[in-house]
Amino acid sequence: MADGGASSFILLTTALLITGSVSAVLVSQWGEMASLIDQERLEDEADYNTDFAFAGDLSN
């Protein structure tokens, strides 16, 4: 039992370290993606608010 317990503990610790680092990377990427989406939304809103169109016949 003692031999299996030590190796299981080492594997558990390694798995927890790996998943912790992966989750940190994913959270960081999610934050960057959210800020980029927000910036795009602000640009689209500015384009919509400053858009204009000609009314009438353009050939005259």
N, C-alpha and C. Protein backbone atom coordinates (compact mmCIF):
# COMPACT_ATOMS: atom_id res chain seq x y z
N MET A 1 0.82 -1.18 0.00
CA MET A 1 0.00 0.00 0.00
C MET A 1 0.87 1.26 0.00
N ALA A 2 1.98 1.21 0.70
CA ALA A 2 2.84 2.39 0.79
C ALA A 2 3.48 2.72 -0.55
N ASP A 3 3.81 1.69 -1.33
CA ASP A 3 4.43 1.95 -2.63
C ASP A 3 3.44 2.60 -3.59
N GLY A 4 2.23 2.13 -3.61
CA GLY A 4 1.23 2.70 -4.51
C GLY A 4 0.79 4.08 -4.08
N GLY A 5 0.79 4.35 -2.79
CA GLY A 5 0.35 5.65 -2.30
C GLY A 5 1.29 6.77 -2.68
N ALA A 6 2.59 6.51 -2.62
CA ALA A 6 3.56 7.56 -2.95
C ALA A 6 3.51 7.92 -4.42
N SER A 7 3.43 6.91 -5.28
CA SER A 7 3.38 7.21 -6.72
C SER A 7 2.05 7.87 -7.08
N SER A 8 0.99 7.47 -6.43
CA SER A 8 -0.31 8.11 -6.69
C SER A 8 -0.27 9.57 -6.26
N PHE A 9 0.37 9.85 -5.14
CA PHE A 9 0.47 11.22 -4.67
C PHE A 9 1.30 12.06 -5.64
N ILE A 10 2.38 11.50 -6.15
CA ILE A 10 3.22 12.22 -7.12
C ILE A 10 2.43 12.50 -8.39
N LEU A 11 1.69 11.52 -8.88
CA LEU A 11 0.88 11.72 -10.08
C LEU A 11 -0.22 12.75 -9.84
N LEU A 12 -0.85 12.71 -8.69
CA LEU A 12 -1.89 13.68 -8.36
C LEU A 12 -1.32 15.09 -8.30
N THR A 13 -0.18 15.25 -7.64
CA THR A 13 0.45 16.56 -7.54
C THR A 13 0.84 17.09 -8.91
N THR A 14 1.40 16.23 -9.75
CA THR A 14 1.78 16.63 -11.10
C THR A 14 0.55 17.05 -11.90
N ALA A 15 -0.51 16.27 -11.81
CA ALA A 15 -1.74 16.60 -12.55
C ALA A 15 -2.33 17.92 -12.08
N LEU A 16 -2.30 18.17 -10.78
CA LEU A 16 -2.83 19.43 -10.26
C LEU A 16 -1.99 20.62 -10.71
N LEU A 17 -0.68 20.47 -10.75
CA LEU A 17 0.18 21.55 -11.23
C LEU A 17 -0.07 21.84 -12.70
N ILE A 18 -0.21 20.80 -13.50
CA ILE A 18 -0.44 20.98 -14.93
C ILE A 18 -1.79 21.64 -15.18
N THR A 19 -2.84 21.15 -14.51
CA THR A 19 -4.16 21.74 -14.73
C THR A 19 -4.23 23.17 -14.21
N GLY A 20 -3.51 23.47 -13.16
CA GLY A 20 -3.48 24.85 -12.67
C GLY A 20 -2.83 25.80 -13.66
N SER A 21 -1.73 25.37 -14.26
CA SER A 21 -1.06 26.23 -15.23
C SER A 21 -1.88 26.38 -16.51
N VAL A 22 -2.52 25.30 -16.93
CA VAL A 22 -3.36 25.38 -18.13
C VAL A 22 -4.55 26.30 -17.88
N SER A 23 -5.16 26.22 -16.72
CA SER A 23 -6.30 27.09 -16.44
C SER A 23 -5.87 28.55 -16.37
N ALA A 24 -4.68 28.83 -15.87
CA ALA A 24 -4.18 30.20 -15.84
C ALA A 24 -4.01 30.75 -17.25
N VAL A 25 -3.49 29.93 -18.14
CA VAL A 25 -3.32 30.36 -19.54
C VAL A 25 -4.68 30.60 -20.18
N LEU A 26 -5.63 29.70 -19.95
CA LEU A 26 -6.96 29.86 -20.54
C LEU A 26 -7.68 31.10 -20.02
N VAL A 27 -7.57 31.38 -18.75
CA VAL A 27 -8.20 32.58 -18.19
C VAL A 27 -7.57 33.83 -18.78
N SER A 28 -6.26 33.82 -18.95
CA SER A 28 -5.58 34.96 -19.55
C SER A 28 -6.04 35.18 -20.99
N GLN A 29 -6.11 34.11 -21.76
CA GLN A 29 -6.56 34.22 -23.14
C GLN A 29 -8.01 34.68 -23.22
N TRP A 30 -8.85 34.21 -22.31
CA TRP A 30 -10.25 34.62 -22.30
C TRP A 30 -10.36 36.12 -22.03
N GLY A 31 -9.54 36.64 -21.13
CA GLY A 31 -9.55 38.07 -20.84
C GLY A 31 -9.14 38.90 -22.05
N GLU A 32 -8.12 38.45 -22.76
CA GLU A 32 -7.68 39.16 -23.96
C GLU A 32 -8.76 39.13 -25.03
N MET A 33 -9.40 37.98 -25.20
CA MET A 33 -10.44 37.85 -26.21
C MET A 33 -11.64 38.72 -25.86
N ALA A 34 -12.00 38.79 -24.60
CA ALA A 34 -13.13 39.62 -24.18
C ALA A 34 -12.84 41.10 -24.43
N SER A 35 -11.63 41.54 -24.17
CA SER A 35 -11.30 42.94 -24.41
C SER A 35 -11.28 43.26 -25.91
N LEU A 36 -10.82 42.32 -26.73
CA LEU A 36 -10.85 42.53 -28.18
C LEU A 36 -12.28 42.60 -28.70
N ILE A 37 -13.15 41.75 -28.20
CA ILE A 37 -14.56 41.78 -28.62
C ILE A 37 -15.20 43.09 -28.20
N ASP A 38 -14.90 43.56 -27.01
CA ASP A 38 -15.45 44.83 -26.54
C ASP A 38 -14.96 45.99 -27.40
N GLN A 39 -13.69 45.97 -27.77
CA GLN A 39 -13.14 47.02 -28.64
C GLN A 39 -13.82 47.00 -30.00
N GLU A 40 -14.04 45.82 -30.57
CA GLU A 40 -14.75 45.71 -31.85
C GLU A 40 -16.16 46.24 -31.74
N ARG A 41 -16.83 45.94 -30.64
CA ARG A 41 -18.20 46.42 -30.44
C ARG A 41 -18.23 47.95 -30.39
N LEU A 42 -17.27 48.54 -29.70
CA LEU A 42 -17.21 50.00 -29.62
C LEU A 42 -16.95 50.62 -30.99
N GLU A 43 -16.09 49.99 -31.79
CA GLU A 43 -15.82 50.49 -33.13
C GLU A 43 -17.04 50.37 -34.02
N ASP A 44 -17.75 49.25 -33.93
CA ASP A 44 -18.97 49.07 -34.72
C ASP A 44 -20.04 50.07 -34.32
N GLU A 45 -20.15 50.34 -33.02
CA GLU A 45 -21.13 51.31 -32.54
C GLU A 45 -20.78 52.71 -33.05
N ALA A 46 -19.51 53.06 -33.04
CA ALA A 46 -19.09 54.37 -33.55
C ALA A 46 -19.37 54.47 -35.05
N ASP A 47 -19.11 53.41 -35.80
CA ASP A 47 -19.41 53.41 -37.23
C ASP A 47 -20.91 53.58 -37.48
N TYR A 48 -21.72 52.92 -36.69
CA TYR A 48 -23.17 53.00 -36.85
C TYR A 48 -23.68 54.40 -36.52
N ASN A 49 -23.13 55.01 -35.47
CA ASN A 49 -23.59 56.33 -35.05
C ASN A 49 -23.14 57.44 -35.98
N THR A 50 -22.06 57.25 -36.71
CA THR A 50 -21.55 58.29 -37.61
C THR A 50 -21.81 57.97 -39.07
N ASP A 51 -22.60 56.97 -39.36
CA ASP A 51 -22.90 56.58 -40.73
C ASP A 51 -23.91 57.55 -41.34
N PHE A 52 -23.79 57.77 -42.63
CA PHE A 52 -24.77 58.61 -43.32
C PHE A 52 -25.05 57.98 -44.68
N ALA A 53 -26.16 58.38 -45.26
CA ALA A 53 -26.55 57.88 -46.57
C ALA A 53 -27.16 59.03 -47.35
N PHE A 54 -26.95 59.01 -48.65
CA PHE A 54 -27.54 60.03 -49.50
C PHE A 54 -29.01 59.72 -49.71
N ALA A 55 -29.82 60.73 -49.67
CA ALA A 55 -31.24 60.58 -49.97
C ALA A 55 -31.50 61.24 -51.31
N GLY A 56 -32.10 60.53 -52.18
CA GLY A 56 -32.43 61.10 -53.48
C GLY A 56 -31.63 60.46 -54.59
N ASP A 57 -31.65 61.12 -55.71
CA ASP A 57 -31.02 60.61 -56.93
C ASP A 57 -29.56 61.06 -56.95
N LEU A 58 -28.65 60.14 -57.03
CA LEU A 58 -27.22 60.47 -57.03
C LEU A 58 -26.74 60.98 -58.38
N SER A 59 -27.51 60.77 -59.44
CA SER A 59 -27.05 61.17 -60.77
C SER A 59 -27.24 62.66 -61.02
N ASN A 60 -27.99 63.37 -60.20
CA ASN A 60 -28.22 64.82 -60.41
C ASN A 60 -27.22 65.62 -59.65
